[in-house]
Amino acid sequence: MTETEFLDLADATLNEIELAFDRLFEQDVVDVECKRSGNVLEIEFVENGSKIIVNSQAPLQEMWVAARAGGFHYKRVNGEWRNTRDDSELFASLSDYATQQGGAPVKLR
């Protein structure tokens, strides 16, 4: 994948994550505020102030996630963002992290 292709895909992924959390907020599933600055998306859980940070790392062609559960790296494999350690899928993992931090069941996809 070229750098331009990665940047386009990473941007689309961050947009999809932000829209998913906005939708869940509008449905009163979870009280979050999303802030995007370039390649960094900050998801703040209003009730407890905890955050999940998702950002792209162009030199490594990875998406990185920082949550209470730890720090995680995701590479594109067969059309999905897969965790480089345990092969979990990005959106499924984010759903789990958001459920842990927000206190309500969250499903992004």
N, C-alpha and C. Protein backbone atom coordinates (compact mmCIF):
# COMPACT_ATOMS: atom_id res chain seq x y z
N MET A 1 0.85 -1.17 0.00
CA MET A 1 0.00 0.00 0.00
C MET A 1 0.90 1.24 0.00
N THR A 2 0.57 2.20 -0.84
CA THR A 2 1.35 3.43 -0.88
C THR A 2 1.00 4.29 0.35
N GLU A 3 1.84 5.28 0.61
CA GLU A 3 1.57 6.18 1.73
C GLU A 3 0.25 6.92 1.52
N THR A 4 -0.01 7.36 0.30
CA THR A 4 -1.25 8.07 0.00
C THR A 4 -2.46 7.17 0.23
N GLU A 5 -2.37 5.93 -0.21
CA GLU A 5 -3.47 4.97 0.02
C GLU A 5 -3.69 4.75 1.51
N PHE A 6 -2.59 4.62 2.27
CA PHE A 6 -2.71 4.44 3.71
C PHE A 6 -3.38 5.66 4.35
N LEU A 7 -2.93 6.84 3.99
CA LEU A 7 -3.48 8.05 4.59
C LEU A 7 -4.98 8.18 4.30
N ASP A 8 -5.39 7.85 3.08
CA ASP A 8 -6.82 7.89 2.73
C ASP A 8 -7.60 6.88 3.55
N LEU A 9 -7.07 5.68 3.67
CA LEU A 9 -7.74 4.62 4.42
C LEU A 9 -7.80 4.95 5.91
N ALA A 10 -6.72 5.46 6.45
CA ALA A 10 -6.68 5.84 7.86
C ALA A 10 -7.68 6.95 8.15
N ASP A 11 -7.76 7.93 7.26
CA ASP A 11 -8.72 9.03 7.42
C ASP A 11 -10.15 8.49 7.39
N ALA A 12 -10.44 7.60 6.46
CA ALA A 12 -11.78 7.00 6.36
C ALA A 12 -12.10 6.19 7.62
N THR A 13 -11.11 5.50 8.15
CA THR A 13 -11.30 4.70 9.36
C THR A 13 -11.59 5.60 10.55
N LEU A 14 -10.83 6.67 10.72
CA LEU A 14 -11.08 7.60 11.82
C LEU A 14 -12.46 8.23 11.69
N ASN A 15 -12.85 8.58 10.46
CA ASN A 15 -14.19 9.14 10.24
C ASN A 15 -15.27 8.14 10.63
N GLU A 16 -15.09 6.88 10.25
CA GLU A 16 -16.08 5.84 10.57
C GLU A 16 -16.20 5.66 12.08
N ILE A 17 -15.08 5.66 12.78
CA ILE A 17 -15.11 5.51 14.24
C ILE A 17 -15.83 6.69 14.87
N GLU A 18 -15.50 7.89 14.43
CA GLU A 18 -16.13 9.09 14.99
C GLU A 18 -17.63 9.09 14.73
N LEU A 19 -18.04 8.75 13.52
CA LEU A 19 -19.48 8.70 13.20
C LEU A 19 -20.19 7.64 14.02
N ALA A 20 -19.54 6.51 14.25
CA ALA A 20 -20.16 5.44 15.06
C ALA A 20 -20.39 5.92 16.49
N PHE A 21 -19.39 6.58 17.08
CA PHE A 21 -19.57 7.09 18.44
C PHE A 21 -20.60 8.21 18.50
N ASP A 22 -20.63 9.08 17.48
CA ASP A 22 -21.65 10.13 17.42
C ASP A 22 -23.05 9.51 17.36
N ARG A 23 -23.20 8.45 16.57
CA ARG A 23 -24.50 7.77 16.46
C ARG A 23 -24.91 7.18 17.81
N LEU A 24 -23.97 6.54 18.49
CA LEU A 24 -24.27 5.95 19.80
C LEU A 24 -24.64 7.03 20.82
N PHE A 25 -23.99 8.18 20.73
CA PHE A 25 -24.32 9.31 21.61
C PHE A 25 -25.74 9.78 21.33
N GLU A 26 -26.08 9.94 20.05
CA GLU A 26 -27.43 10.39 19.68
C GLU A 26 -28.50 9.40 20.11
N GLN A 27 -28.16 8.11 20.18
CA GLN A 27 -29.10 7.07 20.59
C GLN A 27 -29.10 6.88 22.11
N ASP A 28 -28.39 7.73 22.84
CA ASP A 28 -28.28 7.67 24.30
C ASP A 28 -27.70 6.34 24.80
N VAL A 29 -26.83 5.75 24.02
CA VAL A 29 -26.16 4.51 24.44
C VAL A 29 -24.99 4.84 25.34
N VAL A 30 -24.23 5.86 24.96
CA VAL A 30 -23.04 6.24 25.72
C VAL A 30 -22.84 7.75 25.59
N ASP A 31 -22.41 8.37 26.69
CA ASP A 31 -22.20 9.82 26.72
C ASP A 31 -20.72 10.11 26.42
N VAL A 32 -20.44 10.43 25.15
CA VAL A 32 -19.07 10.68 24.72
C VAL A 32 -18.97 11.99 23.97
N GLU A 33 -17.78 12.54 23.98
CA GLU A 33 -17.43 13.68 23.14
C GLU A 33 -16.24 13.27 22.30
N CYS A 34 -16.36 13.44 20.99
CA CYS A 34 -15.26 13.12 20.08
C CYS A 34 -14.61 14.40 19.60
N LYS A 35 -13.29 14.40 19.60
CA LYS A 35 -12.52 15.54 19.09
C LYS A 35 -11.49 15.00 18.12
N ARG A 36 -11.43 15.60 16.95
CA ARG A 36 -10.48 15.14 15.93
C ARG A 36 -9.53 16.28 15.61
N SER A 37 -8.26 15.94 15.60
CA SER A 37 -7.22 16.88 15.20
C SER A 37 -6.26 16.13 14.28
N GLY A 38 -6.40 16.35 12.98
CA GLY A 38 -5.55 15.67 12.02
C GLY A 38 -5.74 14.17 12.08
N ASN A 39 -4.66 13.46 12.40
CA ASN A 39 -4.72 12.00 12.42
C ASN A 39 -5.00 11.44 13.81
N VAL A 40 -5.48 12.28 14.72
CA VAL A 40 -5.74 11.85 16.10
C VAL A 40 -7.22 12.06 16.44
N LEU A 41 -7.87 10.99 16.89
CA LEU A 41 -9.25 11.06 17.35
C LEU A 41 -9.28 10.76 18.85
N GLU A 42 -9.82 11.70 19.61
CA GLU A 42 -9.94 11.56 21.06
C GLU A 42 -11.41 11.34 21.39
N ILE A 43 -11.69 10.23 22.07
CA ILE A 43 -13.05 9.90 22.49
C ILE A 43 -13.08 9.99 24.01
N GLU A 44 -13.82 10.97 24.53
CA GLU A 44 -13.88 11.17 25.97
C GLU A 44 -15.23 10.72 26.51
N PHE A 45 -15.20 9.91 27.56
CA PHE A 45 -16.40 9.46 28.23
C PHE A 45 -16.73 10.48 29.30
N VAL A 46 -17.84 11.20 29.10
CA VAL A 46 -18.15 12.37 29.90
C VAL A 46 -18.33 12.03 31.38
N GLU A 47 -18.99 10.92 31.68
CA GLU A 47 -19.30 10.59 33.07
C GLU A 47 -18.06 10.40 33.94
N ASN A 48 -17.02 9.79 33.39
CA ASN A 48 -15.85 9.51 34.22
C ASN A 48 -14.56 10.17 33.72
N GLY A 49 -14.63 10.87 32.60
CA GLY A 49 -13.48 11.60 32.09
C GLY A 49 -12.42 10.73 31.42
N SER A 50 -12.65 9.43 31.34
CA SER A 50 -11.65 8.57 30.70
C SER A 50 -11.68 8.79 29.18
N LYS A 51 -10.60 8.40 28.52
CA LYS A 51 -10.47 8.64 27.09
C LYS A 51 -9.94 7.40 26.38
N ILE A 52 -10.33 7.32 25.12
CA ILE A 52 -9.70 6.40 24.17
C ILE A 52 -9.14 7.27 23.07
N ILE A 53 -7.89 7.06 22.73
CA ILE A 53 -7.25 7.82 21.66
C ILE A 53 -6.95 6.86 20.52
N VAL A 54 -7.36 7.25 19.30
CA VAL A 54 -7.07 6.45 18.11
C VAL A 54 -6.31 7.35 17.16
N ASN A 55 -5.18 6.89 16.66
CA ASN A 55 -4.44 7.70 15.70
C ASN A 55 -3.74 6.82 14.67
N SER A 56 -3.43 7.43 13.56
CA SER A 56 -2.73 6.70 12.50
C SER A 56 -1.24 6.97 12.60
N GLN A 57 -0.46 5.96 12.24
CA GLN A 57 0.99 6.05 12.21
C GLN A 57 1.44 5.72 10.79
N ALA A 58 1.57 6.76 9.97
CA ALA A 58 1.88 6.57 8.55
C ALA A 58 3.20 5.83 8.30
N PRO A 59 4.28 6.14 9.02
CA PRO A 59 5.54 5.44 8.72
C PRO A 59 5.43 3.91 8.88
N LEU A 60 4.58 3.46 9.82
CA LEU A 60 4.42 2.03 10.07
C LEU A 60 3.17 1.47 9.40
N GLN A 61 2.36 2.34 8.82
CA GLN A 61 1.07 1.98 8.23
C GLN A 61 0.22 1.21 9.24
N GLU A 62 0.08 1.80 10.43
CA GLU A 62 -0.70 1.20 11.51
C GLU A 62 -1.67 2.21 12.09
N MET A 63 -2.72 1.68 12.71
CA MET A 63 -3.61 2.48 13.55
C MET A 63 -3.26 2.12 14.98
N TRP A 64 -3.12 3.12 15.83
CA TRP A 64 -2.79 2.89 17.23
C TRP A 64 -3.96 3.29 18.11
N VAL A 65 -4.17 2.52 19.17
CA VAL A 65 -5.24 2.79 20.13
C VAL A 65 -4.63 2.83 21.53
N ALA A 66 -4.99 3.87 22.28
CA ALA A 66 -4.63 3.96 23.70
C ALA A 66 -5.94 4.00 24.48
N ALA A 67 -6.09 3.06 25.40
CA ALA A 67 -7.29 2.95 26.23
C ALA A 67 -6.86 2.54 27.64
N ARG A 68 -7.80 2.50 28.55
CA ARG A 68 -7.46 2.02 29.91
C ARG A 68 -6.87 0.62 29.86
N ALA A 69 -7.31 -0.18 28.91
CA ALA A 69 -6.84 -1.57 28.79
C ALA A 69 -5.40 -1.66 28.31
N GLY A 70 -4.86 -0.56 27.75
CA GLY A 70 -3.48 -0.55 27.29
C GLY A 70 -3.31 0.12 25.95
N GLY A 71 -2.16 -0.10 25.35
CA GLY A 71 -1.85 0.46 24.03
C GLY A 71 -1.80 -0.67 23.01
N PHE A 72 -2.39 -0.43 21.83
CA PHE A 72 -2.53 -1.48 20.84
C PHE A 72 -2.22 -0.96 19.44
N HIS A 73 -1.65 -1.81 18.61
CA HIS A 73 -1.30 -1.47 17.24
C HIS A 73 -2.08 -2.37 16.29
N TYR A 74 -2.60 -1.78 15.22
CA TYR A 74 -3.41 -2.52 14.24
C TYR A 74 -2.85 -2.30 12.84
N LYS A 75 -2.64 -3.40 12.12
CA LYS A 75 -2.17 -3.37 10.73
C LYS A 75 -3.29 -3.86 9.83
N ARG A 76 -3.28 -3.40 8.58
CA ARG A 76 -4.28 -3.83 7.61
C ARG A 76 -3.92 -5.22 7.09
N VAL A 77 -4.84 -6.17 7.28
CA VAL A 77 -4.64 -7.55 6.83
C VAL A 77 -5.95 -8.03 6.20
N ASN A 78 -5.88 -8.41 4.94
CA ASN A 78 -7.07 -8.92 4.24
C ASN A 78 -8.30 -8.02 4.41
N GLY A 79 -8.08 -6.71 4.27
CA GLY A 79 -9.19 -5.76 4.31
C GLY A 79 -9.69 -5.38 5.69
N GLU A 80 -8.98 -5.79 6.74
CA GLU A 80 -9.38 -5.45 8.11
C GLU A 80 -8.17 -4.94 8.88
N TRP A 81 -8.43 -4.10 9.89
CA TRP A 81 -7.38 -3.66 10.81
C TRP A 81 -7.27 -4.72 11.89
N ARG A 82 -6.12 -5.42 11.96
CA ARG A 82 -5.91 -6.52 12.90
C ARG A 82 -4.81 -6.16 13.91
N ASN A 83 -5.05 -6.50 15.17
CA ASN A 83 -4.09 -6.27 16.25
C ASN A 83 -2.82 -7.07 15.97
N THR A 84 -1.68 -6.40 16.08
CA THR A 84 -0.41 -7.05 15.76
C THR A 84 0.00 -8.09 16.80
N ARG A 85 -0.66 -8.10 17.97
CA ARG A 85 -0.32 -9.07 19.02
C ARG A 85 -1.29 -10.26 19.05
N ASP A 86 -2.60 -9.97 19.04
CA ASP A 86 -3.55 -11.07 19.23
C ASP A 86 -4.51 -11.25 18.05
N ASP A 87 -4.32 -10.49 16.98
CA ASP A 87 -5.11 -10.60 15.75
C ASP A 87 -6.57 -10.17 15.91
N SER A 88 -6.93 -9.52 17.01
CA SER A 88 -8.31 -9.02 17.16
C SER A 88 -8.56 -7.89 16.16
N GLU A 89 -9.82 -7.68 15.82
CA GLU A 89 -10.21 -6.68 14.82
C GLU A 89 -10.45 -5.34 15.51
N LEU A 90 -10.06 -4.26 14.86
CA LEU A 90 -10.10 -2.91 15.45
C LEU A 90 -11.47 -2.52 15.98
N PHE A 91 -12.52 -2.63 15.18
CA PHE A 91 -13.83 -2.16 15.62
C PHE A 91 -14.39 -3.02 16.75
N ALA A 92 -14.14 -4.32 16.71
CA ALA A 92 -14.57 -5.19 17.80
C ALA A 92 -13.83 -4.82 19.09
N SER A 93 -12.54 -4.57 18.97
CA SER A 93 -11.75 -4.18 20.15
C SER A 93 -12.20 -2.84 20.70
N LEU A 94 -12.42 -1.87 19.82
CA LEU A 94 -12.90 -0.56 20.29
C LEU A 94 -14.24 -0.68 20.99
N SER A 95 -15.11 -1.56 20.50
CA SER A 95 -16.39 -1.80 21.16
C SER A 95 -16.17 -2.30 22.57
N ASP A 96 -15.23 -3.23 22.73
CA ASP A 96 -14.91 -3.78 24.06
C ASP A 96 -14.33 -2.70 24.98
N TYR A 97 -13.38 -1.93 24.46
CA TYR A 97 -12.76 -0.88 25.29
C TYR A 97 -13.80 0.16 25.71
N ALA A 98 -14.68 0.53 24.79
CA ALA A 98 -15.71 1.53 25.09
C ALA A 98 -16.70 0.99 26.11
N THR A 99 -17.03 -0.29 26.02
CA THR A 99 -17.92 -0.91 27.00
C THR A 99 -17.27 -0.88 28.38
N GLN A 100 -15.98 -1.21 28.44
CA GLN A 100 -15.26 -1.20 29.72
C GLN A 100 -15.19 0.20 30.31
N GLN A 101 -14.95 1.19 29.48
CA GLN A 101 -14.74 2.55 29.99
C GLN A 101 -16.03 3.32 30.16
N GLY A 102 -17.05 3.01 29.37
CA GLY A 102 -18.29 3.77 29.43
C GLY A 102 -19.35 3.16 30.31
N GLY A 103 -19.20 1.88 30.64
CA GLY A 103 -20.14 1.24 31.54
C GLY A 103 -21.41 0.69 30.89
N ALA A 104 -21.61 0.95 29.60
CA ALA A 104 -22.78 0.42 28.88
C ALA A 104 -22.28 -0.39 27.69
N PRO A 105 -23.03 -1.41 27.30
CA PRO A 105 -22.61 -2.21 26.14
C PRO A 105 -22.55 -1.36 24.87
N VAL A 106 -21.42 -1.39 24.19
CA VAL A 106 -21.19 -0.60 22.99
C VAL A 106 -20.86 -1.54 21.85
N LYS A 107 -21.50 -1.33 20.71
CA LYS A 107 -21.18 -2.08 19.50
C LYS A 107 -21.05 -1.08 18.36
N LEU A 108 -19.82 -0.93 17.86
CA LEU A 108 -19.58 0.07 16.82
C LEU A 108 -20.04 -0.37 15.43
N ARG A 109 -20.02 -1.65 15.18
CA ARG A 109 -20.49 -2.17 13.87
C ARG A 109 -21.54 -3.22 14.10
